[in-house]
Amino acid sequence: MPTVHVPAPLRSLSDGREAFEVEGGTLRAVFAAVARECPALAARIIEDGDLRRDIAVAIDGSILEDTGLAQPVSPTAEIYLVPPIGGG
């Protein structure tokens, strides 16, 4: 299952968890699983059905560029949330 890594500025929204595994073959499915498991975190990173503009996502070390939530992810993907400098 893909692993979502939560940066320190957002951990208060994930009950202090640094990372968790969720099911999903696309970012949309992954973040739907995040919303079920951690609604406060999902509310901070998703807006109007897409990633907030001030949150970047890296998959396996590569920052995504305007691919939206349709981006496919592998079962072993390491997904990192990248908040703005200062945690915004």
C-alpha atoms as a PDB file:
ATOM      1  CA  MET A   1       0.000   0.000   0.000  1.00  0.00           C
ATOM      2  CA  PRO A   2       1.242   3.536  -0.658  1.00  0.00           C
ATOM      3  CA  THR A   3       2.695   5.354   2.344  1.00  0.00           C
ATOM      4  CA  VAL A   4       1.729   8.975   2.989  1.00  0.00           C
ATOM      5  CA  HIS A   5       4.365  10.937   4.925  1.00  0.00           C
ATOM      6  CA  VAL A   6       3.127  13.879   6.986  1.00  0.00           C
ATOM      7  CA  PRO A   7       5.500  16.832   7.532  1.00  0.00           C
ATOM      8  CA  ALA A   8       5.964  18.185  11.051  1.00  0.00           C
ATOM      9  CA  PRO A   9       3.813  21.321  10.519  1.00  0.00           C
ATOM     10  CA  LEU A  10       0.798  19.148   9.636  1.00  0.00           C
ATOM     11  CA  ARG A  11       1.197  16.372  12.223  1.00  0.00           C
ATOM     12  CA  SER A  12      -1.217  17.983  14.656  1.00  0.00           C
ATOM     13  CA  LEU A  13      -3.869  17.208  12.011  1.00  0.00           C
ATOM     14  CA  SER A  14      -2.813  13.544  11.838  1.00  0.00           C
ATOM     15  CA  ASP A  15      -2.831  12.858  15.587  1.00  0.00           C
ATOM     16  CA  GLY A  16       0.966  13.156  15.570  1.00  0.00           C
ATOM     17  CA  ARG A  17       1.476  10.385  13.037  1.00  0.00           C
ATOM     18  CA  GLU A  18       4.512  10.823  10.801  1.00  0.00           C
ATOM     19  CA  ALA A  19       3.282   8.406   8.142  1.00  0.00           C
ATOM     20  CA  PHE A  20       0.540   5.933   7.429  1.00  0.00           C
ATOM     21  CA  GLU A  21      -0.310   3.391   4.758  1.00  0.00           C
ATOM     22  CA  VAL A  22      -3.510   3.684   2.744  1.00  0.00           C
ATOM     23  CA  GLU A  23      -4.935   1.902  -0.283  1.00  0.00           C
ATOM     24  CA  GLY A  24      -5.210   3.548  -3.668  1.00  0.00           C
ATOM     25  CA  GLY A  25      -3.980   3.346  -7.236  1.00  0.00           C
ATOM     26  CA  THR A  26      -4.247   7.086  -7.910  1.00  0.00           C
ATOM     27  CA  LEU A  27      -3.674  10.150  -5.761  1.00  0.00           C
ATOM     28  CA  ARG A  28      -7.458  10.674  -5.711  1.00  0.00           C
ATOM     29  CA  ALA A  29      -7.968   7.193  -4.223  1.00  0.00           C
ATOM     30  CA  VAL A  30      -5.065   7.665  -1.799  1.00  0.00           C
ATOM     31  CA  PHE A  31      -6.408  10.982  -0.539  1.00  0.00           C
ATOM     32  CA  ALA A  32      -9.949   9.563  -0.297  1.00  0.00           C
ATOM     33  CA  ALA A  33      -8.459   6.945   2.033  1.00  0.00           C
ATOM     34  CA  VAL A  34      -6.607   9.701   3.919  1.00  0.00           C
ATOM     35  CA  ALA A  35      -9.949  11.530   4.316  1.00  0.00           C
ATOM     36  CA  ARG A  36     -11.535   8.433   5.851  1.00  0.00           C
ATOM     37  CA  GLU A  37      -8.614   7.819   8.190  1.00  0.00           C
ATOM     38  CA  CYS A  38      -7.683  11.405   9.004  1.00  0.00           C
ATOM     39  CA  PRO A  39     -10.401  13.916   8.023  1.00  0.00           C
ATOM     40  CA  ALA A  40      -8.657  16.966   9.532  1.00  0.00           C
ATOM     41  CA  LEU A  41      -5.522  16.372   7.469  1.00  0.00           C
ATOM     42  CA  ALA A  42      -7.542  15.821   4.292  1.00  0.00           C
ATOM     43  CA  ALA A  43      -9.472  19.046   4.908  1.00  0.00           C
ATOM     44  CA  ARG A  44      -6.161  20.926   5.078  1.00  0.00           C
ATOM     45  CA  ILE A  45      -4.704  19.515   1.855  1.00  0.00           C
ATOM     46  CA  ILE A  46      -7.793  19.083  -0.379  1.00  0.00           C
ATOM     47  CA  GLU A  47      -9.934  21.965  -1.605  1.00  0.00           C
ATOM     48  CA  ASP A  48     -12.759  21.780  -4.141  1.00  0.00           C
ATOM     49  CA  GLY A  49     -11.850  18.183  -4.964  1.00  0.00           C
ATOM     50  CA  ASP A  50      -8.196  18.881  -5.770  1.00  0.00           C
ATOM     51  CA  LEU A  51      -4.949  19.519  -3.946  1.00  0.00           C
ATOM     52  CA  ARG A  52      -4.700  22.978  -2.425  1.00  0.00           C
ATOM     53  CA  ARG A  53      -2.420  25.258  -4.381  1.00  0.00           C
ATOM     54  CA  ASP A  54      -0.163  25.812  -1.356  1.00  0.00           C
ATOM     55  CA  ILE A  55       0.503  22.086  -0.831  1.00  0.00           C
ATOM     56  CA  ALA A  56       2.874  20.190  -3.083  1.00  0.00           C
ATOM     57  CA  VAL A  57       3.090  16.423  -3.329  1.00  0.00           C
ATOM     58  CA  ALA A  58       6.164  14.365  -4.066  1.00  0.00           C
ATOM     59  CA  ILE A  59       5.944  10.731  -5.103  1.00  0.00           C
ATOM     60  CA  ASP A  60       9.099   8.699  -4.639  1.00  0.00           C
ATOM     61  CA  GLY A  61      11.176  11.887  -4.478  1.00  0.00           C
ATOM     62  CA  SER A  62       9.721  13.736  -7.483  1.00  0.00           C
ATOM     63  CA  ILE A  63       7.548  16.819  -6.978  1.00  0.00           C
ATOM     64  CA  LEU A  64       4.407  16.605  -9.093  1.00  0.00           C
ATOM     65  CA  GLU A  65       3.773  19.334 -11.630  1.00  0.00           C
ATOM     66  CA  ASP A  66       0.087  20.104 -12.283  1.00  0.00           C
ATOM     67  CA  THR A  67      -0.971  16.482 -12.640  1.00  0.00           C
ATOM     68  CA  GLY A  68      -3.777  16.730 -10.127  1.00  0.00           C
ATOM     69  CA  LEU A  69      -5.252  13.794  -8.315  1.00  0.00           C
ATOM     70  CA  ALA A  70      -5.465  11.572 -11.417  1.00  0.00           C
ATOM     71  CA  GLN A  71      -1.747  10.767 -11.042  1.00  0.00           C
ATOM     72  CA  PRO A  72      -1.306   6.980 -10.751  1.00  0.00           C
ATOM     73  CA  VAL A  73       0.683   5.640  -7.799  1.00  0.00           C
ATOM     74  CA  SER A  74       2.282   2.248  -7.312  1.00  0.00           C
ATOM     75  CA  PRO A  75       1.480   0.026  -4.326  1.00  0.00           C
ATOM     76  CA  THR A  76       4.961   0.802  -2.932  1.00  0.00           C
ATOM     77  CA  ALA A  77       4.803   4.579  -3.517  1.00  0.00           C
ATOM     78  CA  GLU A  78       6.217   6.924  -0.898  1.00  0.00           C
ATOM     79  CA  ILE A  79       4.028  10.043  -0.975  1.00  0.00           C
ATOM     80  CA  TYR A  80       5.274  13.174   0.756  1.00  0.00           C
ATOM     81  CA  LEU A  81       3.165  16.225   1.537  1.00  0.00           C
ATOM     82  CA  VAL A  82       5.185  19.402   1.145  1.00  0.00           C
ATOM     83  CA  PRO A  83       3.611  22.391   2.923  1.00  0.00           C
ATOM     84  CA  PRO A  84       4.700  25.962   2.218  1.00  0.00           C
ATOM     85  CA  ILE A  85       7.728  27.300   4.080  1.00  0.00           C
ATOM     86  CA  GLY A  86       6.706  27.898   7.680  1.00  0.00           C
ATOM     87  CA  GLY A  87       3.868  25.377   7.518  1.00  0.00           C
ATOM     88  CA  GLY A  88       1.395  27.933   6.099  1.00  0.00           C
END
